[in-house]
Amino acid sequence: MKQPSLEENFFGSATVGERGQIVIPAEARKRYNINPGDKVLVLGHPNASGVWVCKIDAMREVFSTMLSEIEKLESKMAESAEEE
């Protein structure tokens, strides 16, 4: 599966309004199925002065997949320890 390039994921810029609001560009909303009323997470990047915006369901799926993969690795590590 081809990794999308940064250019393919660039949707322009947004200006923060007086009330702290931004508009997510229409092309990004369409591609990522972000609709009025959807809940999104706004996470601060730990090493920079920026934020990530992500749909809650998408983040839940990412963390669920990560947890599953961690459990598989733990199982393999336990099997290896038993073989020693």
PDB file of N, CA and C in Angstrom:
ATOM      1  N   MET A   1       0.835  -1.178   0.000  1.00  0.00           N
ATOM      2  CA  MET A   1       0.000   0.000   0.000  1.00  0.00           C
ATOM      3  C   MET A   1       0.884   1.247   0.000  1.00  0.00           C
ATOM      4  N   LYS A   2       0.612   2.141  -0.933  1.00  0.00           N
ATOM      5  CA  LYS A   2       1.418   3.356  -1.070  1.00  0.00           C
ATOM      6  C   LYS A   2       1.100   4.334   0.056  1.00  0.00           C
ATOM      7  N   GLN A   3       2.161   4.850   0.680  1.00  0.00           N
ATOM      8  CA  GLN A   3       2.002   5.872   1.715  1.00  0.00           C
ATOM      9  C   GLN A   3       1.686   7.198   1.038  1.00  0.00           C
ATOM     10  N   PRO A   4       0.617   7.890   1.462  1.00  0.00           N
ATOM     11  CA  PRO A   4       0.324   9.193   0.869  1.00  0.00           C
ATOM     12  C   PRO A   4       1.436  10.186   1.188  1.00  0.00           C
ATOM     13  N   SER A   5       1.749  11.023   0.218  1.00  0.00           N
ATOM     14  CA  SER A   5       2.789  12.022   0.430  1.00  0.00           C
ATOM     15  C   SER A   5       2.235  13.186   1.241  1.00  0.00           C
ATOM     16  N   LEU A   6       3.134  13.970   1.768  1.00  0.00           N
ATOM     17  CA  LEU A   6       2.734  15.162   2.517  1.00  0.00           C
ATOM     18  C   LEU A   6       1.904  16.081   1.626  1.00  0.00           C
ATOM     19  N   GLU A   7       2.329  16.213   0.370  1.00  0.00           N
ATOM     20  CA  GLU A   7       1.598  17.076  -0.563  1.00  0.00           C
ATOM     21  C   GLU A   7       0.162  16.590  -0.771  1.00  0.00           C
ATOM     22  N   GLU A   8      -0.039  15.267  -0.817  1.00  0.00           N
ATOM     23  CA  GLU A   8      -1.384  14.707  -0.999  1.00  0.00           C
ATOM     24  C   GLU A   8      -2.278  14.953   0.219  1.00  0.00           C
ATOM     25  N   ASN A   9      -1.670  15.233   1.351  1.00  0.00           N
ATOM     26  CA  ASN A   9      -2.427  15.465   2.579  1.00  0.00           C
ATOM     27  C   ASN A   9      -2.439  16.922   3.005  1.00  0.00           C
ATOM     28  N   PHE A  10      -1.988  17.807   2.137  1.00  0.00           N
ATOM     29  CA  PHE A  10      -1.998  19.233   2.436  1.00  0.00           C
ATOM     30  C   PHE A  10      -3.275  19.836   1.873  1.00  0.00           C
ATOM     31  N   PHE A  11      -4.044  20.492   2.720  1.00  0.00           N
ATOM     32  CA  PHE A  11      -5.340  21.029   2.313  1.00  0.00           C
ATOM     33  C   PHE A  11      -5.395  22.544   2.362  1.00  0.00           C
ATOM     34  N   GLY A  12      -4.276  23.193   2.533  1.00  0.00           N
ATOM     35  CA  GLY A  12      -4.264  24.640   2.622  1.00  0.00           C
ATOM     36  C   GLY A  12      -4.032  25.075   4.050  1.00  0.00           C
ATOM     37  N   SER A  13      -4.485  26.270   4.353  1.00  0.00           N
ATOM     38  CA  SER A  13      -4.302  26.784   5.702  1.00  0.00           C
ATOM     39  C   SER A  13      -5.633  27.297   6.229  1.00  0.00           C
ATOM     40  N   ALA A  14      -5.676  27.547   7.509  1.00  0.00           N
ATOM     41  CA  ALA A  14      -6.863  28.106   8.144  1.00  0.00           C
ATOM     42  C   ALA A  14      -6.418  29.248   9.040  1.00  0.00           C
ATOM     43  N   THR A  15      -7.256  30.228   9.184  1.00  0.00           N
ATOM     44  CA  THR A  15      -6.972  31.366  10.055  1.00  0.00           C
ATOM     45  C   THR A  15      -7.803  31.227  11.318  1.00  0.00           C
ATOM     46  N   VAL A  16      -7.172  31.409  12.449  1.00  0.00           N
ATOM     47  CA  VAL A  16      -7.883  31.339  13.722  1.00  0.00           C
ATOM     48  C   VAL A  16      -8.653  32.644  13.907  1.00  0.00           C
ATOM     49  N   GLY A  17      -9.963  32.523  14.124  1.00  0.00           N
ATOM     50  CA  GLY A  17     -10.803  33.695  14.317  1.00  0.00           C
ATOM     51  C   GLY A  17     -10.715  34.233  15.735  1.00  0.00           C
ATOM     52  N   GLU A  18     -11.389  35.339  15.972  1.00  0.00           N
ATOM     53  CA  GLU A  18     -11.360  35.981  17.288  1.00  0.00           C
ATOM     54  C   GLU A  18     -11.856  35.068  18.395  1.00  0.00           C
ATOM     55  N   ARG A  19     -12.762  34.147  18.087  1.00  0.00           N
ATOM     56  CA  ARG A  19     -13.299  33.229  19.095  1.00  0.00           C
ATOM     57  C   ARG A  19     -12.504  31.920  19.161  1.00  0.00           C
ATOM     58  N   GLY A  20     -11.357  31.866  18.473  1.00  0.00           N
ATOM     59  CA  GLY A  20     -10.507  30.679  18.505  1.00  0.00           C
ATOM     60  C   GLY A  20     -10.952  29.593  17.544  1.00  0.00           C
ATOM     61  N   GLN A  21     -11.847  29.895  16.648  1.00  0.00           N
ATOM     62  CA  GLN A  21     -12.361  28.893  15.726  1.00  0.00           C
ATOM     63  C   GLN A  21     -11.558  28.858  14.434  1.00  0.00           C
ATOM     64  N   ILE A  22     -11.503  27.645  13.844  1.00  0.00           N
ATOM     65  CA  ILE A  22     -10.926  27.487  12.518  1.00  0.00           C
ATOM     66  C   ILE A  22     -11.932  26.730  11.662  1.00  0.00           C
ATOM     67  N   VAL A  23     -11.770  26.841  10.364  1.00  0.00           N
ATOM     68  CA  VAL A  23     -12.595  26.095   9.427  1.00  0.00           C
ATOM     69  C   VAL A  23     -11.719  25.014   8.815  1.00  0.00           C
ATOM     70  N   ILE A  24     -12.162  23.772   8.914  1.00  0.00           N
ATOM     71  CA  ILE A  24     -11.439  22.667   8.276  1.00  0.00           C
ATOM     72  C   ILE A  24     -11.788  22.731   6.792  1.00  0.00           C
ATOM     73  N   PRO A  25     -10.792  22.802   5.909  1.00  0.00           N
ATOM     74  CA  PRO A  25     -11.085  22.909   4.480  1.00  0.00           C
ATOM     75  C   PRO A  25     -12.024  21.804   3.988  1.00  0.00           C
ATOM     76  N   ALA A  26     -12.915  22.163   3.068  1.00  0.00           N
ATOM     77  CA  ALA A  26     -13.946  21.247   2.567  1.00  0.00           C
ATOM     78  C   ALA A  26     -13.354  19.948   2.021  1.00  0.00           C
ATOM     79  N   GLU A  27     -12.239  20.033   1.290  1.00  0.00           N
ATOM     80  CA  GLU A  27     -11.633  18.832   0.717  1.00  0.00           C
ATOM     81  C   GLU A  27     -11.197  17.859   1.822  1.00  0.00           C
ATOM     82  N   ALA A  28     -10.652  18.387   2.918  1.00  0.00           N
ATOM     83  CA  ALA A  28     -10.241  17.539   4.043  1.00  0.00           C
ATOM     84  C   ALA A  28     -11.468  16.925   4.715  1.00  0.00           C
ATOM     85  N   ARG A  29     -12.510  17.734   4.919  1.00  0.00           N
ATOM     86  CA  ARG A  29     -13.740  17.195   5.534  1.00  0.00           C
ATOM     87  C   ARG A  29     -14.317  16.075   4.692  1.00  0.00           C
ATOM     88  N   LYS A  30     -14.293  16.267   3.382  1.00  0.00           N
ATOM     89  CA  LYS A  30     -14.842  15.245   2.480  1.00  0.00           C
ATOM     90  C   LYS A  30     -13.996  13.973   2.527  1.00  0.00           C
ATOM     91  N   ARG A  31     -12.670  14.116   2.405  1.00  0.00           N
ATOM     92  CA  ARG A  31     -11.790  12.941   2.374  1.00  0.00           C
ATOM     93  C   ARG A  31     -11.886  12.132   3.668  1.00  0.00           C
ATOM     94  N   TYR A  32     -11.974  12.845   4.799  1.00  0.00           N
ATOM     95  CA  TYR A  32     -11.961  12.150   6.084  1.00  0.00           C
ATOM     96  C   TYR A  32     -13.349  12.015   6.706  1.00  0.00           C
ATOM     97  N   ASN A  33     -14.366  12.306   5.889  1.00  0.00           N
ATOM     98  CA  ASN A  33     -15.764  12.119   6.303  1.00  0.00           C
ATOM     99  C   ASN A  33     -16.064  12.838   7.622  1.00  0.00           C
ATOM    100  N   ILE A  34     -15.665  14.083   7.700  1.00  0.00           N
ATOM    101  CA  ILE A  34     -15.932  14.911   8.879  1.00  0.00           C
ATOM    102  C   ILE A  34     -17.178  15.734   8.574  1.00  0.00           C
ATOM    103  N   ASN A  35     -18.210  15.514   9.357  1.00  0.00           N
ATOM    104  CA  ASN A  35     -19.506  16.129   9.114  1.00  0.00           C
ATOM    105  C   ASN A  35     -19.942  16.992  10.289  1.00  0.00           C
ATOM    106  N   PRO A  36     -20.879  17.928  10.037  1.00  0.00           N
ATOM    107  CA  PRO A  36     -21.390  18.738  11.149  1.00  0.00           C
ATOM    108  C   PRO A  36     -21.891  17.833  12.285  1.00  0.00           C
ATOM    109  N   GLY A  37     -21.517  18.185  13.494  1.00  0.00           N
ATOM    110  CA  GLY A  37     -21.923  17.408  14.668  1.00  0.00           C
ATOM    111  C   GLY A  37     -20.939  16.328  15.076  1.00  0.00           C
ATOM    112  N   ASP A  38     -19.974  15.988  14.192  1.00  0.00           N
ATOM    113  CA  ASP A  38     -18.962  14.985  14.553  1.00  0.00           C
ATOM    114  C   ASP A  38     -18.088  15.526  15.676  1.00  0.00           C
ATOM    115  N   LYS A  39     -17.673  14.645  16.551  1.00  0.00           N
ATOM    116  CA  LYS A  39     -16.750  15.013  17.615  1.00  0.00           C
ATOM    117  C   LYS A  39     -15.324  14.779  17.137  1.00  0.00           C
ATOM    118  N   VAL A  40     -14.462  15.734  17.405  1.00  0.00           N
ATOM    119  CA  VAL A  40     -13.049  15.598  17.069  1.00  0.00           C
ATOM    120  C   VAL A  40     -12.223  15.852  18.321  1.00  0.00           C
ATOM    121  N   LEU A  41     -11.065  15.244  18.351  1.00  0.00           N
ATOM    122  CA  LEU A  41     -10.112  15.492  19.425  1.00  0.00           C
ATOM    123  C   LEU A  41      -9.150  16.565  18.951  1.00  0.00           C
ATOM    124  N   VAL A  42      -8.761  17.437  19.825  1.00  0.00           N
ATOM    125  CA  VAL A  42      -7.740  18.434  19.540  1.00  0.00           C
ATOM    126  C   VAL A  42      -6.611  18.155  20.519  1.00  0.00           C
ATOM    127  N   LEU A  43      -5.513  17.643  19.990  1.00  0.00           N
ATOM    128  CA  LEU A  43      -4.395  17.212  20.822  1.00  0.00           C
ATOM    129  C   LEU A  43      -3.194  18.109  20.574  1.00  0.00           C
ATOM    130  N   GLY A  44      -2.568  18.553  21.635  1.00  0.00           N
ATOM    131  CA  GLY A  44      -1.347  19.335  21.506  1.00  0.00           C
ATOM    132  C   GLY A  44      -0.181  18.427  21.192  1.00  0.00           C
ATOM    133  N   HIS A  45       0.632  18.828  20.245  1.00  0.00           N
ATOM    134  CA  HIS A  45       1.833  18.074  19.916  1.00  0.00           C
ATOM    135  C   HIS A  45       2.817  18.234  21.069  1.00  0.00           C
ATOM    136  N   PRO A  46       3.367  17.138  21.588  1.00  0.00           N
ATOM    137  CA  PRO A  46       4.209  17.239  22.786  1.00  0.00           C
ATOM    138  C   PRO A  46       5.519  17.988  22.598  1.00  0.00           C
ATOM    139  N   ASN A  47       6.029  18.082  21.378  1.00  0.00           N
ATOM    140  CA  ASN A  47       7.336  18.707  21.172  1.00  0.00           C
ATOM    141  C   ASN A  47       7.287  19.987  20.347  1.00  0.00           C
ATOM    142  N   ALA A  48       6.105  20.499  20.089  1.00  0.00           N
ATOM    143  CA  ALA A  48       6.013  21.693  19.241  1.00  0.00           C
ATOM    144  C   ALA A  48       4.813  22.537  19.659  1.00  0.00           C
ATOM    145  N   SER A  49       4.664  23.673  19.027  1.00  0.00           N
ATOM    146  CA  SER A  49       3.551  24.553  19.371  1.00  0.00           C
ATOM    147  C   SER A  49       2.439  24.419  18.339  1.00  0.00           C
ATOM    148  N   GLY A  50       1.952  23.204  18.164  1.00  0.00           N
ATOM    149  CA  GLY A  50       0.888  22.943  17.203  1.00  0.00           C
ATOM    150  C   GLY A  50      -0.117  21.963  17.767  1.00  0.00           C
ATOM    151  N   VAL A  51      -1.154  21.712  17.004  1.00  0.00           N
ATOM    152  CA  VAL A  51      -2.191  20.777  17.430  1.00  0.00           C
ATOM    153  C   VAL A  51      -2.528  19.817  16.302  1.00  0.00           C
ATOM    154  N   TRP A  52      -3.054  18.665  16.688  1.00  0.00           N
ATOM    155  CA  TRP A  52      -3.610  17.688  15.755  1.00  0.00           C
ATOM    156  C   TRP A  52      -5.109  17.683  15.956  1.00  0.00           C
ATOM    157  N   VAL A  53      -5.846  17.547  14.889  1.00  0.00           N
ATOM    158  CA  VAL A  53      -7.296  17.413  14.961  1.00  0.00           C
ATOM    159  C   VAL A  53      -7.632  16.067  14.345  1.00  0.00           C
ATOM    160  N   CYS A  54      -8.364  15.240  15.085  1.00  0.00           N
ATOM    161  CA  CYS A  54      -8.664  13.892  14.619  1.00  0.00           C
ATOM    162  C   CYS A  54     -10.046  13.487  15.108  1.00  0.00           C
ATOM    163  N   LYS A  55     -10.792  12.795  14.256  1.00  0.00           N
ATOM    164  CA  LYS A  55     -12.099  12.292  14.683  1.00  0.00           C
ATOM    165  C   LYS A  55     -11.898  11.295  15.823  1.00  0.00           C
ATOM    166  N   ILE A  56     -12.773  11.346  16.789  1.00  0.00           N
ATOM    167  CA  ILE A  56     -12.673  10.455  17.949  1.00  0.00           C
ATOM    168  C   ILE A  56     -12.715   8.995  17.523  1.00  0.00           C
ATOM    169  N   ASP A  57     -13.628   8.645  16.614  1.00  0.00           N
ATOM    170  CA  ASP A  57     -13.727   7.249  16.168  1.00  0.00           C
ATOM    171  C   ASP A  57     -12.446   6.765  15.510  1.00  0.00           C
ATOM    172  N   ALA A  58     -11.802   7.637  14.744  1.00  0.00           N
ATOM    173  CA  ALA A  58     -10.547   7.262  14.089  1.00  0.00           C
ATOM    174  C   ALA A  58      -9.456   7.039  15.129  1.00  0.00           C
ATOM    175  N   MET A  59      -9.387   7.901  16.124  1.00  0.00           N
ATOM    176  CA  MET A  59      -8.381   7.752  17.173  1.00  0.00           C
ATOM    177  C   MET A  59      -8.639   6.480  17.980  1.00  0.00           C
ATOM    178  N   ARG A  60      -9.903   6.192  18.259  1.00  0.00           N
ATOM    179  CA  ARG A  60     -10.252   4.968  18.982  1.00  0.00           C
ATOM    180  C   ARG A  60      -9.781   3.744  18.184  1.00  0.00           C
ATOM    181  N   GLU A  61      -9.972   3.771  16.869  1.00  0.00           N
ATOM    182  CA  GLU A  61      -9.544   2.665  16.015  1.00  0.00           C
ATOM    183  C   GLU A  61      -8.028   2.512  16.036  1.00  0.00           C
ATOM    184  N   VAL A  62      -7.304   3.629  15.977  1.00  0.00           N
ATOM    185  CA  VAL A  62      -5.839   3.588  16.025  1.00  0.00           C
ATOM    186  C   VAL A  62      -5.367   2.967  17.333  1.00  0.00           C
ATOM    187  N   PHE A  63      -5.918   3.444  18.455  1.00  0.00           N
ATOM    188  CA  PHE A  63      -5.494   2.923  19.759  1.00  0.00           C
ATOM    189  C   PHE A  63      -5.891   1.464  19.938  1.00  0.00           C
ATOM    190  N   SER A  64      -7.047   1.079  19.424  1.00  0.00           N
ATOM    191  CA  SER A  64      -7.484  -0.311  19.511  1.00  0.00           C
ATOM    192  C   SER A  64      -6.529  -1.222  18.740  1.00  0.00           C
ATOM    193  N   THR A  65      -6.144  -0.786  17.547  1.00  0.00           N
ATOM    194  CA  THR A  65      -5.199  -1.559  16.738  1.00  0.00           C
ATOM    195  C   THR A  65      -3.853  -1.649  17.442  1.00  0.00           C
ATOM    196  N   MET A  66      -3.393  -0.540  18.012  1.00  0.00           N
ATOM    197  CA  MET A  66      -2.118  -0.553  18.730  1.00  0.00           C
ATOM    198  C   MET A  66      -2.168  -1.503  19.912  1.00  0.00           C
ATOM    199  N   LEU A  67      -3.267  -1.480  20.672  1.00  0.00           N
ATOM    200  CA  LEU A  67      -3.403  -2.362  21.825  1.00  0.00           C
ATOM    201  C   LEU A  67      -3.371  -3.822  21.386  1.00  0.00           C
ATOM    202  N   SER A  68      -4.064  -4.131  20.312  1.00  0.00           N
ATOM    203  CA  SER A  68      -4.070  -5.496  19.790  1.00  0.00           C
ATOM    204  C   SER A  68      -2.665  -5.940  19.396  1.00  0.00           C
ATOM    205  N   GLU A  69      -1.932  -5.065  18.731  1.00  0.00           N
ATOM    206  CA  GLU A  69      -0.567  -5.391  18.315  1.00  0.00           C
ATOM    207  C   GLU A  69       0.356  -5.565  19.525  1.00  0.00           C
ATOM    208  N   ILE A  70       0.185  -4.737  20.539  1.00  0.00           N
ATOM    209  CA  ILE A  70       0.988  -4.867  21.756  1.00  0.00           C
ATOM    210  C   ILE A  70       0.706  -6.212  22.427  1.00  0.00           C
ATOM    211  N   GLU A  71      -0.567  -6.596  22.483  1.00  0.00           N
ATOM    212  CA  GLU A  71      -0.929  -7.882  23.091  1.00  0.00           C
ATOM    213  C   GLU A  71      -0.303  -9.047  22.330  1.00  0.00           C
ATOM    214  N   LYS A  72      -0.262  -8.956  20.994  1.00  0.00           N
ATOM    215  CA  LYS A  72       0.377 -10.002  20.189  1.00  0.00           C
ATOM    216  C   LYS A  72       1.868 -10.081  20.500  1.00  0.00           C
ATOM    217  N   LEU A  73       2.513  -8.911  20.598  1.00  0.00           N
ATOM    218  CA  LEU A  73       3.943  -8.894  20.912  1.00  0.00           C
ATOM    219  C   LEU A  73       4.212  -9.473  22.294  1.00  0.00           C
ATOM    220  N   GLU A  74       3.382  -9.115  23.263  1.00  0.00           N
ATOM    221  CA  GLU A  74       3.552  -9.655  24.615  1.00  0.00           C
ATOM    222  C   GLU A  74       3.412 -11.171  24.615  1.00  0.00           C
ATOM    223  N   SER A  75       2.472 -11.672  23.837  1.00  0.00           N
ATOM    224  CA  SER A  75       2.274 -13.105  23.755  1.00  0.00           C
ATOM    225  C   SER A  75       3.494 -13.798  23.153  1.00  0.00           C
ATOM    226  N   LYS A  76       4.038 -13.214  22.089  1.00  0.00           N
ATOM    227  CA  LYS A  76       5.235 -13.777  21.472  1.00  0.00           C
ATOM    228  C   LYS A  76       6.414 -13.734  22.428  1.00  0.00           C
ATOM    229  N   MET A  77       6.537 -12.635  23.183  1.00  0.00           N
ATOM    230  CA  MET A  77       7.641 -12.527  24.147  1.00  0.00           C
ATOM    231  C   MET A  77       7.493 -13.589  25.229  1.00  0.00           C
ATOM    232  N   ALA A  78       6.272 -13.831  25.689  1.00  0.00           N
ATOM    233  CA  ALA A  78       6.035 -14.841  26.723  1.00  0.00           C
ATOM    234  C   ALA A  78       6.370 -16.235  26.189  1.00  0.00           C
ATOM    235  N   GLU A  79       6.009 -16.507  24.938  1.00  0.00           N
ATOM    236  CA  GLU A  79       6.318 -17.805  24.315  1.00  0.00           C
ATOM    237  C   GLU A  79       7.827 -18.002  24.209  1.00  0.00           C
ATOM    238  N   SER A  80       8.528 -16.936  23.829  1.00  0.00           N
ATOM    239  CA  SER A  80       9.993 -17.013  23.711  1.00  0.00           C
ATOM    240  C   SER A  80      10.633 -17.282  25.055  1.00  0.00           C
ATOM    241  N   ALA A  81      10.122 -16.653  26.111  1.00  0.00           N
ATOM    242  CA  ALA A  81      10.669 -16.833  27.452  1.00  0.00           C
ATOM    243  C   ALA A  81      10.442 -18.262  27.932  1.00  0.00           C
ATOM    244  N   GLU A  82       9.311 -18.858  27.569  1.00  0.00           N
ATOM    245  CA  GLU A  82       9.021 -20.223  27.976  1.00  0.00           C
ATOM    246  C   GLU A  82       9.935 -21.225  27.278  1.00  0.00           C
ATOM    247  N   GLU A  83      10.340 -20.898  26.043  1.00  0.00           N
ATOM    248  CA  GLU A  83      11.199 -21.801  25.262  1.00  0.00           C
ATOM    249  C   GLU A  83      12.636 -21.801  25.785  1.00  0.00           C
ATOM    250  N   GLU A  84      13.026 -20.779  26.506  1.00  0.00           N
ATOM    251  CA  GLU A  84      14.405 -20.683  26.993  1.00  0.00           C
ATOM    252  C   GLU A  84      14.660 -21.519  28.177  1.00  0.00           C
TER     253      GLU A  84
END
